Protein backbone atom coordinates (compact mmCIF):
# COMPACT_ATOMS: atom_id res chain seq x y z
CA MET A 1 22.41 -68.88 -144.36
CA ARG A 2 18.84 -67.78 -144.01
CA SER A 3 17.91 -64.43 -145.55
CA SER A 4 16.87 -63.07 -142.19
CA ASP A 5 20.39 -63.80 -140.87
CA ARG A 6 22.23 -61.90 -143.58
CA PRO A 7 24.05 -58.78 -142.44
CA GLY A 8 22.09 -55.52 -142.90
CA THR A 9 18.70 -57.17 -143.51
CA ALA A 10 17.12 -55.68 -140.40
CA GLU A 11 18.60 -52.32 -141.14
CA ARG A 12 17.30 -52.40 -144.71
CA ALA A 13 13.86 -53.46 -143.51
CA ALA A 14 13.77 -50.60 -141.04
CA GLY A 15 14.71 -48.18 -143.79
CA LEU A 16 11.93 -49.45 -146.04
CA THR A 17 9.19 -49.38 -143.48
CA GLY A 18 10.23 -46.35 -141.48
CA THR A 19 9.91 -45.94 -137.75
CA GLY A 20 7.12 -47.96 -136.23
CA GLY A 21 6.13 -49.59 -139.54
CA GLU A 22 5.41 -46.28 -141.38
CA PRO A 23 5.69 -46.17 -145.20
CA PRO A 24 8.92 -44.74 -146.63
CA GLY A 25 9.23 -40.96 -146.37
CA ALA A 26 6.24 -40.51 -144.03
CA ALA A 27 8.35 -39.15 -141.21
CA GLY A 28 10.15 -36.83 -143.64
CA ALA A 29 6.86 -35.55 -145.03
CA ARG A 30 5.55 -34.90 -141.55
CA GLY A 31 8.74 -33.04 -140.74
CA ARG A 32 8.48 -30.87 -143.84
CA ALA A 33 4.84 -30.12 -143.05
CA ALA A 34 5.77 -29.17 -139.51
CA ALA A 35 8.52 -26.89 -140.87
CA TRP A 36 6.07 -25.13 -143.18
CA LEU A 37 3.57 -24.69 -140.34
CA ALA A 38 6.37 -23.26 -138.18
CA LEU A 39 7.14 -20.77 -140.97
CA LEU A 40 3.52 -19.67 -141.10
CA ASP A 41 3.53 -19.14 -137.35
CA ARG A 42 6.43 -16.69 -137.35
CA PRO A 43 5.76 -13.07 -136.26
CA LEU A 44 6.71 -11.57 -139.65
CA THR A 45 4.84 -14.09 -141.82
CA SER A 46 1.97 -11.71 -142.56
CA TYR A 47 4.34 -8.89 -143.42
CA TYR A 48 6.43 -10.87 -145.86
CA LEU A 49 3.36 -12.47 -147.45
CA LEU A 50 1.81 -9.06 -148.03
CA LEU A 51 5.04 -7.65 -149.43
CA GLY A 52 5.82 -10.63 -151.65
CA ILE A 53 2.30 -11.03 -153.05
CA THR A 54 2.07 -7.29 -153.74
CA VAL A 55 5.33 -7.34 -155.69
CA LEU A 56 4.26 -10.43 -157.67
CA LEU A 57 0.88 -8.95 -158.58
CA LEU A 58 2.47 -5.63 -159.57
CA GLY A 59 4.94 -7.45 -161.80
CA LEU A 60 2.17 -9.50 -163.38
CA GLY A 61 0.12 -6.35 -163.91
CA LEU A 62 2.95 -4.57 -165.70
CA VAL A 63 3.57 -7.56 -167.96
CA MET A 64 -0.09 -7.99 -168.84
CA VAL A 65 -0.72 -4.27 -169.38
CA LEU A 66 2.26 -4.24 -171.74
CA SER A 67 0.85 -7.26 -173.55
CA THR A 68 -2.71 -5.97 -173.87
CA SER A 69 -2.36 -2.20 -174.22
CA SER A 70 0.08 -2.11 -177.14
CA VAL A 71 -2.58 -3.33 -179.57
CA GLN A 72 -5.13 -0.81 -178.34
CA ASP A 73 -2.59 2.05 -178.44
CA LEU A 74 -1.59 1.27 -182.01
CA SER A 75 -5.24 1.08 -183.12
CA ASN A 76 -5.84 4.51 -181.57
CA GLY A 77 -2.84 6.03 -183.32
CA LEU A 78 -0.77 6.28 -180.11
CA PRO A 79 2.77 5.06 -179.40
CA PRO A 80 2.70 1.32 -178.63
CA TYR A 81 3.86 1.82 -175.04
CA ALA A 82 1.68 4.82 -174.07
CA ASP A 83 -0.54 3.00 -171.57
CA PHE A 84 2.31 0.86 -170.34
CA ARG A 85 4.32 3.97 -169.50
CA LYS A 86 1.36 5.28 -167.52
CA GLN A 87 1.17 2.05 -165.59
CA VAL A 88 4.90 2.13 -164.88
CA LEU A 89 4.59 5.72 -163.63
CA GLY A 90 1.67 4.62 -161.46
CA VAL A 91 3.74 1.86 -159.89
CA ALA A 92 6.68 4.24 -159.44
CA ALA A 93 4.37 6.73 -157.67
CA GLY A 94 2.63 4.00 -155.67
CA LEU A 95 5.78 2.44 -154.22
CA PRO A 96 6.68 5.55 -152.15
CA VAL A 97 3.04 5.81 -151.06
CA MET A 98 3.06 2.15 -149.96
CA TRP A 99 6.43 2.62 -148.24
CA LEU A 100 5.22 5.66 -146.32
CA ALA A 101 2.03 3.86 -145.32
CA ALA A 102 4.03 0.83 -144.17
CA ARG A 103 6.19 3.09 -142.00
CA SER A 104 3.27 5.02 -140.51
CA SER A 105 1.57 4.29 -137.22
CA PRO A 106 -2.12 3.48 -136.79
CA LYS A 107 -2.53 6.87 -135.08
CA LEU A 108 -1.74 8.60 -138.37
CA PHE A 109 -4.39 6.59 -140.22
CA ARG A 110 -6.93 7.41 -137.54
CA ALA A 111 -6.05 11.10 -137.75
CA ALA A 112 -6.63 10.96 -141.52
CA ALA A 113 -10.04 9.29 -141.24
CA TYR A 114 -12.28 12.34 -141.45
CA PRO A 115 -10.10 14.25 -143.98
CA LEU A 116 -10.16 11.16 -146.23
CA LEU A 117 -13.93 10.95 -145.95
CA ALA A 118 -14.34 14.63 -146.75
CA VAL A 119 -12.05 14.39 -149.81
CA ALA A 120 -13.92 11.32 -151.05
CA VAL A 121 -17.33 12.98 -150.71
CA LEU A 122 -16.09 16.17 -152.39
CA GLY A 123 -14.50 14.21 -155.24
CA LEU A 124 -17.62 12.12 -155.81
CA ALA A 125 -19.76 15.26 -155.82
CA LEU A 126 -17.47 16.87 -158.41
CA THR A 127 -17.98 13.96 -160.79
CA LEU A 128 -21.62 15.04 -161.05
CA VAL A 129 -20.84 18.66 -161.92
CA PRO A 130 -21.09 19.33 -165.68
CA GLY A 131 -17.77 20.44 -167.08
CA VAL A 132 -15.83 18.98 -164.15
CA GLY A 133 -16.85 15.35 -164.19
CA VAL A 134 -15.65 13.19 -167.07
CA ALA A 135 -18.11 10.63 -168.46
CA GLN A 136 -17.13 7.48 -170.31
CA ASN A 137 -19.49 4.83 -171.65
CA GLY A 138 -22.37 6.69 -170.02
CA ALA A 139 -20.82 6.61 -166.53
CA ALA A 140 -19.62 9.79 -164.76
CA ARG A 141 -16.87 8.37 -162.59
CA TRP A 142 -13.86 10.60 -163.20
CA ILE A 143 -12.69 14.15 -162.67
CA ALA A 144 -9.83 15.63 -164.68
CA ILE A 145 -6.85 17.04 -162.77
CA GLY A 146 -4.86 18.57 -165.59
CA SER A 147 -4.53 15.83 -168.18
CA LEU A 148 -4.83 13.08 -165.56
CA PRO A 149 -8.26 11.45 -164.93
CA VAL A 150 -8.90 10.62 -161.27
CA GLN A 151 -11.60 8.24 -160.04
CA PRO A 152 -12.83 9.43 -156.61
CA SER A 153 -14.82 6.24 -156.01
CA GLU A 154 -11.53 4.37 -155.51
CA PHE A 155 -10.57 6.78 -152.73
CA ALA A 156 -14.04 6.30 -151.22
CA LYS A 157 -13.20 2.65 -150.49
CA LEU A 158 -10.14 3.53 -148.46
CA ALA A 159 -11.98 6.40 -146.77
CA LEU A 160 -14.83 4.11 -145.66
CA VAL A 161 -12.38 1.50 -144.33
CA VAL A 162 -10.38 3.99 -142.20
CA TRP A 163 -13.28 6.19 -141.11
CA GLY A 164 -15.57 3.24 -140.27
CA ALA A 165 -12.85 1.47 -138.28
CA ASP A 166 -11.96 4.62 -136.36
CA LEU A 167 -15.62 5.39 -135.63
CA LEU A 168 -16.44 1.91 -134.29
CA ALA A 169 -13.20 1.77 -132.29
CA ARG A 170 -14.11 5.05 -130.55
CA LYS A 171 -17.63 3.84 -129.81
CA GLU A 172 -16.33 0.56 -128.40
CA ARG A 173 -13.95 2.43 -126.10
CA LEU A 174 -16.91 4.48 -124.84
CA GLY A 175 -19.01 1.36 -124.35
CA GLN A 176 -21.70 2.48 -126.80
CA LEU A 177 -21.90 -0.56 -129.07
CA GLY A 178 -24.45 -2.33 -126.92
CA ASP A 179 -27.13 -0.06 -128.45
CA TRP A 180 -27.90 -0.81 -132.12
CA ARG A 181 -28.49 2.87 -132.79
CA HIS A 182 -24.93 3.73 -131.80
CA LEU A 183 -23.73 0.78 -133.83
CA LEU A 184 -25.35 2.01 -137.05
CA VAL A 185 -25.28 5.81 -136.62
CA PRO A 186 -23.45 7.58 -138.13
CA LEU A 187 -21.75 4.61 -139.85
CA MET A 188 -24.75 3.63 -141.92
CA PRO A 189 -25.62 7.20 -143.09
CA GLY A 190 -21.98 7.82 -143.98
CA ALA A 191 -21.73 4.62 -146.01
CA GLY A 192 -25.11 5.39 -147.55
CA LEU A 193 -23.93 8.84 -148.67
CA LEU A 194 -20.86 7.39 -150.38
CA CYS A 195 -22.95 4.70 -152.05
CA MET A 196 -25.53 7.22 -153.23
CA LEU A 197 -22.92 9.46 -154.81
CA VAL A 198 -21.26 6.48 -156.51
CA ILE A 199 -24.46 4.98 -157.86
CA VAL A 200 -25.60 8.35 -159.26
CA GLY A 201 -22.46 8.10 -161.37
CA ASP A 202 -23.74 4.72 -162.57
CA ASP A 203 -21.08 2.58 -160.87
CA LEU A 204 -22.89 -0.39 -159.38
CA GLY A 205 -19.74 -2.46 -159.01
CA THR A 206 -18.03 0.03 -156.71
CA THR A 207 -21.30 0.47 -154.80
CA LEU A 208 -21.36 -3.27 -154.06
CA ILE A 209 -17.74 -3.11 -152.89
CA LEU A 210 -18.63 -0.25 -150.52
CA LEU A 211 -21.55 -2.27 -149.17
CA GLY A 212 -19.18 -5.20 -148.66
CA ILE A 213 -16.85 -2.99 -146.63
CA PHE A 214 -19.77 -1.77 -144.53
CA LEU A 215 -20.94 -5.31 -143.81
CA ALA A 216 -17.37 -6.41 -143.04
CA LEU A 217 -17.04 -3.69 -140.39
CA LEU A 218 -20.32 -4.77 -138.80
CA TRP A 219 -19.31 -8.44 -138.85
CA VAL A 220 -15.86 -7.94 -137.30
CA ILE A 221 -17.10 -5.64 -134.56
CA GLY A 222 -19.48 -8.39 -133.44
CA THR A 223 -22.89 -7.17 -134.55
CA PRO A 224 -25.70 -9.38 -133.19
CA GLY A 225 -26.79 -12.01 -135.68
CA ARG A 226 -30.35 -10.76 -135.98
CA LEU A 227 -29.28 -7.20 -136.71
CA PHE A 228 -26.58 -8.33 -139.17
CA THR A 229 -29.07 -10.53 -141.02
CA GLY A 230 -31.49 -7.63 -141.24
CA MET A 231 -28.78 -5.37 -142.67
CA LEU A 232 -27.79 -8.08 -145.16
CA MET A 233 -31.40 -8.38 -146.34
CA LEU A 234 -31.70 -4.60 -146.56
CA MET A 235 -28.53 -4.40 -148.70
CA ALA A 236 -29.85 -7.12 -150.98
CA LEU A 237 -33.18 -5.28 -151.36
CA VAL A 238 -31.41 -2.03 -152.15
CA THR A 239 -29.25 -3.77 -154.75
CA VAL A 240 -32.31 -5.27 -156.46
CA LEU A 241 -34.03 -1.89 -156.52
CA LEU A 242 -30.95 -0.23 -158.00
CA ILE A 243 -30.93 -2.82 -160.78
CA VAL A 244 -34.65 -2.67 -161.50
CA VAL A 245 -34.92 1.13 -161.71
CA SER A 246 -32.11 1.32 -164.28
CA THR A 247 -32.89 0.04 -167.77
CA TYR A 248 -29.22 -0.46 -168.54
CA ARG A 249 -28.48 -2.45 -165.38
CA PHE A 250 -31.69 -4.48 -165.72
CA ARG A 251 -30.82 -5.36 -169.31
CA ARG A 252 -27.36 -6.44 -168.26
CA LEU A 253 -28.77 -8.69 -165.53
CA THR A 254 -31.36 -10.28 -167.82
CA SER A 255 -28.74 -10.87 -170.50
CA PHE A 256 -26.55 -12.58 -167.87
CA LEU A 257 -29.40 -14.79 -166.67
CA ASN A 258 -30.63 -15.53 -170.19
CA PRO A 259 -27.71 -15.00 -172.59
CA GLN A 260 -28.70 -14.61 -176.22
CA GLY A 261 -27.01 -13.52 -179.40
CA GLY A 262 -23.74 -14.43 -181.03
CA PRO A 263 -20.14 -13.61 -180.16
CA LEU A 264 -20.39 -10.26 -181.94
CA GLY A 265 -23.69 -9.19 -180.41
CA PRO A 266 -24.55 -7.32 -177.20
CA ASN A 267 -22.92 -10.04 -175.06
CA MET A 268 -19.66 -9.90 -177.01
CA GLN A 269 -17.49 -9.08 -174.01
CA GLU A 270 -18.70 -11.98 -171.87
CA ILE A 271 -18.67 -14.51 -174.71
CA GLN A 272 -15.30 -13.52 -176.11
CA GLY A 273 -13.83 -13.48 -172.60
CA LYS A 274 -14.84 -17.11 -172.14
CA TYR A 275 -13.45 -17.96 -175.57
CA ALA A 276 -10.13 -16.37 -174.58
CA ILE A 277 -9.89 -18.34 -171.34
CA GLY A 278 -10.91 -21.57 -173.03
CA SER A 279 -8.37 -21.17 -175.86
CA GLY A 280 -5.51 -20.90 -173.36
CA GLY A 281 -5.63 -24.56 -172.38
CA LEU A 282 -3.39 -25.73 -169.59
CA PHE A 283 -0.30 -23.58 -170.12
CA GLY A 284 -1.58 -20.84 -172.45
CA VAL A 285 -0.51 -19.72 -175.88
CA GLY A 286 2.42 -17.71 -174.51
CA LEU A 287 2.94 -14.13 -173.35
CA GLY A 288 2.12 -11.67 -176.09
CA ALA A 289 0.74 -14.38 -178.40
CA GLY A 290 -2.92 -13.97 -177.46
CA ARG A 291 -5.37 -13.00 -180.15
CA ALA A 292 -8.39 -11.96 -178.07
CA LYS A 293 -6.79 -8.60 -177.22
CA TRP A 294 -6.89 -7.64 -180.91
CA GLY A 295 -10.31 -6.05 -180.52
CA TRP A 296 -12.24 -9.19 -179.62
CA VAL A 297 -12.44 -8.60 -175.87
CA PRO A 298 -13.51 -5.05 -174.97
CA GLU A 299 -11.70 -3.46 -171.99
CA ALA A 300 -8.95 -6.07 -172.22
CA THR A 301 -6.51 -3.88 -170.29
CA SER A 302 -8.81 -3.23 -167.34
CA ASP A 303 -12.04 -5.07 -166.54
CA PHE A 304 -11.31 -8.21 -168.62
CA ILE A 305 -7.55 -8.50 -168.25
CA PHE A 306 -8.08 -11.83 -166.47
CA ALA A 307 -9.38 -13.26 -169.75
CA ILE A 308 -6.09 -12.38 -171.45
CA ILE A 309 -4.20 -13.94 -168.53
CA GLY A 310 -6.18 -17.13 -169.10
CA GLU A 311 -5.42 -17.11 -172.83
CA GLU A 312 -1.72 -16.35 -172.60
CA LEU A 313 -0.82 -18.14 -169.33
CA GLY A 314 -3.47 -20.86 -169.36
CA LEU A 315 -5.18 -22.60 -166.48
CA VAL A 316 -1.92 -22.72 -164.53
CA GLY A 317 -1.57 -18.94 -164.77
CA THR A 318 -5.12 -18.23 -163.66
CA LEU A 319 -4.83 -20.63 -160.74
CA CYS A 320 -1.59 -18.92 -159.67
CA VAL A 321 -3.36 -15.54 -159.74
CA CYS A 322 -6.21 -16.92 -157.64
CA ALA A 323 -3.68 -18.43 -155.22
CA LEU A 324 -2.00 -15.03 -154.82
CA TYR A 325 -5.28 -13.40 -153.85
CA GLY A 326 -5.96 -16.32 -151.52
CA GLY A 327 -2.59 -15.72 -149.86
CA LEU A 328 -3.45 -12.03 -149.59
CA ALA A 329 -6.71 -12.94 -147.85
CA TYR A 330 -4.86 -15.24 -145.42
CA ALA A 331 -2.22 -12.63 -144.59
CA GLY A 332 -4.69 -9.75 -144.15
CA LEU A 333 -7.07 -11.74 -141.95
CA ARG A 334 -4.12 -13.04 -139.95
CA VAL A 335 -3.12 -9.44 -139.26
CA SER A 336 -6.67 -8.71 -138.15
CA ARG A 337 -6.84 -11.75 -135.89
CA ARG A 338 -3.53 -10.97 -134.19
CA ALA A 339 -4.19 -7.22 -133.79
CA ARG A 340 -4.06 -5.81 -130.30
CA ASP A 341 -6.43 -2.86 -130.77
CA THR A 342 -9.89 -2.56 -132.25
CA PHE A 343 -9.04 -0.05 -134.97
CA THR A 344 -6.28 -2.23 -136.41
CA ARG A 345 -8.49 -5.33 -136.28
CA LEU A 346 -11.36 -3.58 -138.08
CA ALA A 347 -9.27 -1.73 -140.67
CA ALA A 348 -7.18 -4.81 -141.54
CA ALA A 349 -10.25 -7.02 -142.03
CA ALA A 350 -12.20 -4.44 -144.00
CA ALA A 351 -9.27 -3.61 -146.30
CA THR A 352 -8.57 -7.29 -146.93
CA ILE A 353 -12.21 -8.07 -147.70
CA TRP A 354 -12.40 -5.05 -150.04
CA ILE A 355 -9.39 -6.11 -152.12
CA VAL A 356 -10.21 -9.83 -152.21
CA LEU A 357 -13.93 -9.20 -152.85
CA GLN A 358 -13.06 -6.89 -155.74
CA ALA A 359 -10.82 -9.59 -157.21
CA MET A 360 -13.60 -12.16 -156.82
CA VAL A 361 -16.13 -9.89 -158.55
CA ASN A 362 -13.72 -9.22 -161.44
CA ILE A 363 -12.76 -12.87 -161.91
CA GLY A 364 -16.36 -14.03 -161.49
CA ALA A 365 -17.50 -11.67 -164.24
CA VAL A 366 -14.82 -12.95 -166.62
CA ILE A 367 -15.57 -16.64 -166.08
CA GLY A 368 -19.32 -16.04 -166.26
CA VAL A 369 -20.53 -16.72 -162.72
CA LEU A 370 -21.30 -13.02 -162.06
CA PRO A 371 -22.59 -10.25 -164.32
CA PRO A 372 -19.92 -7.76 -165.44
CA GLU A 373 -19.77 -4.78 -163.09
CA GLY A 374 -16.75 -2.89 -164.38
CA VAL A 375 -14.44 -3.26 -161.40
CA PRO A 376 -10.68 -3.65 -162.03
CA LEU A 377 -8.53 -6.58 -160.94
CA PRO A 378 -6.53 -5.14 -158.01
CA LEU A 379 -2.87 -4.34 -158.83
CA VAL A 380 -3.16 -6.00 -162.25
CA SER A 381 -5.65 -4.00 -164.32
CA ALA A 382 -4.65 -0.71 -165.91
CA GLY A 383 -5.87 2.31 -163.97
CA LEU A 384 -3.87 4.75 -161.86
CA SER A 385 -6.53 5.56 -159.23
CA SER A 386 -7.20 1.93 -158.41
CA LEU A 387 -3.50 1.12 -158.39
CA LEU A 388 -2.48 3.94 -156.05
CA VAL A 389 -5.32 3.44 -153.59
CA THR A 390 -4.81 -0.34 -153.44
CA MET A 391 -1.09 0.11 -152.83
CA ALA A 392 -1.85 2.59 -150.04
CA ALA A 393 -4.25 0.10 -148.44
CA LEU A 394 -1.67 -2.68 -148.67
CA GLY A 395 0.92 -0.37 -147.15
CA MET A 396 -1.47 0.19 -144.27
CA LEU A 397 -1.82 -3.58 -143.85
CA MET A 398 1.98 -3.89 -143.80
CA SER A 399 2.14 -1.24 -141.10
CA PHE A 400 -0.28 -3.27 -139.01
CA ALA A 401 1.68 -6.46 -139.72
CA ARG A 402 4.88 -4.82 -138.42
CA ARG A 403 3.10 -4.32 -135.11
CA GLU A 404 1.94 -7.87 -134.58
CA PRO A 405 3.07 -9.56 -131.37
CA GLY A 406 6.77 -10.34 -131.70
CA ALA A 407 7.21 -8.57 -135.06
CA ARG A 408 9.25 -5.65 -133.70
CA GLU A 409 11.56 -7.98 -131.85
CA ALA A 410 12.02 -10.10 -134.96
CA LEU A 411 12.85 -7.03 -137.03
CA ALA A 412 15.33 -5.78 -134.45
CA ALA A 413 17.02 -9.17 -134.19
CA ARG A 414 17.93 -9.43 -137.84
CA GLY A 415 21.64 -9.40 -138.57
CA PRO A 416 23.43 -6.77 -140.72
CA ARG A 417 24.04 -9.01 -143.74
CA LEU A 418 24.04 -7.36 -147.17
CA PRO A 419 20.48 -8.33 -148.26
CA ARG A 420 19.18 -7.18 -144.92
CA ARG A 421 21.12 -3.95 -145.19
CA ALA A 422 19.49 -3.44 -148.59
CA LEU A 423 16.10 -3.90 -146.98
CA GLY A 424 17.12 -1.34 -144.38
CA TRP A 425 18.04 1.13 -147.11
CA LEU A 426 14.55 0.62 -148.51
CA GLY A 427 13.05 1.39 -145.12
CA LEU A 428 12.06 -2.22 -144.42
CA GLY A 429 14.77 -2.92 -141.85
CA PRO A 430 14.63 -2.82 -138.05
CA GLN A 431 13.38 0.34 -136.42
CA ARG A 432 14.32 1.86 -133.11
CA HIS A 433 11.39 2.18 -130.78
CA GLY A 434 12.30 4.19 -127.78
CA PRO A 435 15.70 4.47 -126.08
């Protein structure tokens, strides 16, 4: 009997080649890809991505703050978990703030726009008052409320996002955005005031983030290309002038462009940060086993915590962190793209660009592609002001995500199973909207 006449030969051949002569598993791979794309197209995708990524980054931040701060606390004669307890309290305080923001309507954020701006300006002005402002490393960025230091520049980011989005939304409704003067006034003077107060406190990193928020608002509202290019060039010129007129900032830039000295010299932070990342290899030396945090990398709990992540979790850990921020960017911009009103579209895009840009600036400084600017890694670095404000901004994004087309219906259609009931107890379950 010929081999082609044996029973099952045709069937086996079809199984090996697949339908229409495809290689084995091609149809299954296409089906899995289609299933993943269908998941990404669901109404609540943005909401669950924002929630899940926020929880993962918060968990990573607590673990890394515990790993890095214990050494510093012991060297300062403090209990080994002093900074970790502060971070835990910050997360515990931030979760209700995020929950309330996620349950609030865009009307509430718009109503808070001008009060937020006024509080931010007042707080930034207080940092410059002797006896009220608290200086550290030559920078006056904090005010003391009791024994708790507060950084008003973090609140200025959220204030500019909400106020700028509300302002441009009102002008668009009135049909005033066709005139470039209405487009820039009073948005540009307001952003300029915040930037001026921040830079007087010697915080160039936060100033650049505020400028990024300002440019994001102009881009999303549809500013003409010629005007946007002119504003971009103006911002670049202002940044160069701010660097040149300050000896400290100019020295930092020149040392970045032309690094000199050994690992214990003036560039110790940058050099030791690269050493820490390089020593981690593919999978890292293990949580808690890093050696760079033992005084070799300054500001290991805040500005350079990414270096310790690279040492203890390796290349895989750093890539996972970058992927989380990439997912955050996708979810936030998806919310902006699917928004039904101008305010939501502007606020979602500006808040997303702020958080992701800040992460890029922090990571870029650690790996050596950007000069260090002293900005924290969002949700991961130690720092209560940054943590609380970022969680409030993410709660606002979640609120917008819950109002995407089809999201309310999807929330209302969920069954009363136990996990879903638990989400309802946490305030994340279906809501009643109207009778």
